[in-house]
Amino acid sequence: PGYWAWELAELELDGLSSDLRQEVQQVRVVILRLLRLWDNPAQPLAPEEARRLATLIFSGARTVAHLLSRPTKDADTIDWLAQVLAEMGDKHGLDL
């Protein structure tokens, strides 16, 4: 959705869960763009604009932190959980 390849490359997202990759990329690119606005000497920000921009940047950082804190749902984890549930079910005579 309108991101430059160099912006995405700059984020170095290797190793993230594939189901959250796009969401994290989108938020991080927006944060990167906001930081560039903040640091643009050709267009200094008024104090009120700086306050609003800081709020957006921190909100974006909080969103990325939330997305990264979610547990991954990779195949190995799902297989392990299924095996553990089956063992517990066998041990207690339950169909889990």
Protein backbone atom coordinates (compact mmCIF):
# COMPACT_ATOMS: atom_id res chain seq x y z
CA PRO A 1 0.00 0.00 0.00
CA GLY A 2 2.31 2.71 -1.22
CA TYR A 3 5.54 1.85 0.63
CA TRP A 4 8.93 2.39 -0.92
CA ALA A 5 11.09 -0.72 -1.16
CA TRP A 6 13.94 1.05 0.63
CA GLU A 7 11.58 1.90 3.53
CA LEU A 8 10.67 -1.74 4.00
CA ALA A 9 14.31 -2.82 3.60
CA GLU A 10 15.33 -0.28 6.24
CA LEU A 11 13.09 -1.98 8.78
CA GLU A 12 14.94 -5.34 8.64
CA LEU A 13 11.98 -7.52 9.59
CA ASP A 14 13.61 -10.94 9.32
CA GLY A 15 12.39 -13.43 11.88
CA LEU A 16 8.94 -12.01 12.55
CA SER A 17 5.88 -14.21 12.56
CA SER A 18 4.41 -14.27 9.08
CA ASP A 19 0.89 -13.59 10.30
CA LEU A 20 1.94 -10.22 11.82
CA ARG A 21 4.61 -9.17 9.35
CA GLN A 22 2.45 -6.90 7.23
CA GLU A 23 0.84 -5.17 10.20
CA VAL A 24 4.17 -4.54 11.86
CA GLN A 25 5.67 -3.30 8.58
CA GLN A 26 2.81 -0.86 8.06
CA VAL A 27 3.08 0.63 11.53
CA ARG A 28 6.87 0.86 11.43
CA VAL A 29 6.87 2.55 8.02
CA VAL A 30 4.38 5.13 9.28
CA ILE A 31 6.56 5.72 12.38
CA LEU A 32 9.60 6.12 10.12
CA ARG A 33 7.76 8.72 8.02
CA LEU A 34 6.60 10.60 11.11
CA LEU A 35 10.15 10.68 12.47
CA ARG A 36 11.34 12.16 9.17
CA LEU A 37 8.71 14.90 9.48
CA TRP A 38 9.89 15.57 13.03
CA ASP A 39 13.53 15.82 11.95
CA ASN A 40 13.01 17.99 8.84
CA PRO A 41 15.00 21.22 9.35
CA ALA A 42 13.41 22.79 6.25
CA GLN A 43 10.00 22.67 7.94
CA PRO A 44 10.32 23.16 11.70
CA LEU A 45 7.29 22.12 13.72
CA ALA A 46 5.20 24.38 15.88
CA PRO A 47 4.97 23.18 19.52
CA GLU A 48 1.37 21.95 19.07
CA GLU A 49 2.32 20.01 15.91
CA ALA A 50 5.32 18.50 17.71
CA ARG A 51 3.07 17.37 20.57
CA ARG A 52 0.60 15.73 18.18
CA LEU A 53 3.40 14.10 16.22
CA ALA A 54 4.98 12.74 19.41
CA THR A 55 1.61 11.26 20.40
CA LEU A 56 1.32 9.52 17.02
CA ILE A 57 4.88 8.17 17.19
CA PHE A 58 4.41 6.77 20.71
CA SER A 59 1.05 5.31 19.75
CA GLY A 60 2.65 3.57 16.77
CA ALA A 61 5.47 2.23 18.95
CA ARG A 62 2.90 0.89 21.41
CA THR A 63 1.04 -0.80 18.53
CA VAL A 64 4.23 -2.51 17.31
CA ALA A 65 5.03 -3.65 20.86
CA HIS A 66 1.52 -5.09 21.18
CA LEU A 67 1.77 -6.96 17.88
CA LEU A 68 5.19 -8.36 18.76
CA SER A 69 4.02 -9.51 22.18
CA ARG A 70 1.37 -11.78 20.68
CA PRO A 71 2.32 -15.47 20.67
CA THR A 72 3.21 -16.92 17.30
CA LYS A 73 1.07 -19.65 15.80
CA ASP A 74 3.65 -21.57 13.86
CA ALA A 75 3.20 -25.23 12.94
CA ASP A 76 5.75 -26.49 15.50
CA THR A 77 3.92 -24.82 18.37
CA ILE A 78 0.55 -26.14 17.23
CA ASP A 79 1.93 -29.67 16.82
CA TRP A 80 3.54 -29.53 20.27
CA LEU A 81 0.32 -28.32 21.88
CA ALA A 82 -1.72 -31.05 20.16
CA GLN A 83 0.73 -33.70 21.40
CA VAL A 84 0.66 -32.39 24.98
CA LEU A 85 -3.16 -32.26 24.99
CA ALA A 86 -3.36 -35.82 23.64
CA GLU A 87 -0.97 -37.05 26.36
CA MET A 88 -2.94 -35.28 29.08
CA GLY A 89 -6.18 -36.70 27.71
CA ASP A 90 -4.75 -40.23 27.71
CA LYS A 91 -3.47 -39.82 31.24
CA HIS A 92 -6.85 -38.63 32.56
CA GLY A 93 -9.14 -40.64 30.28
CA LEU A 94 -10.37 -37.55 28.40
CA ASP A 95 -10.73 -36.83 24.70
CA LEU A 96 -8.91 -33.52 24.34
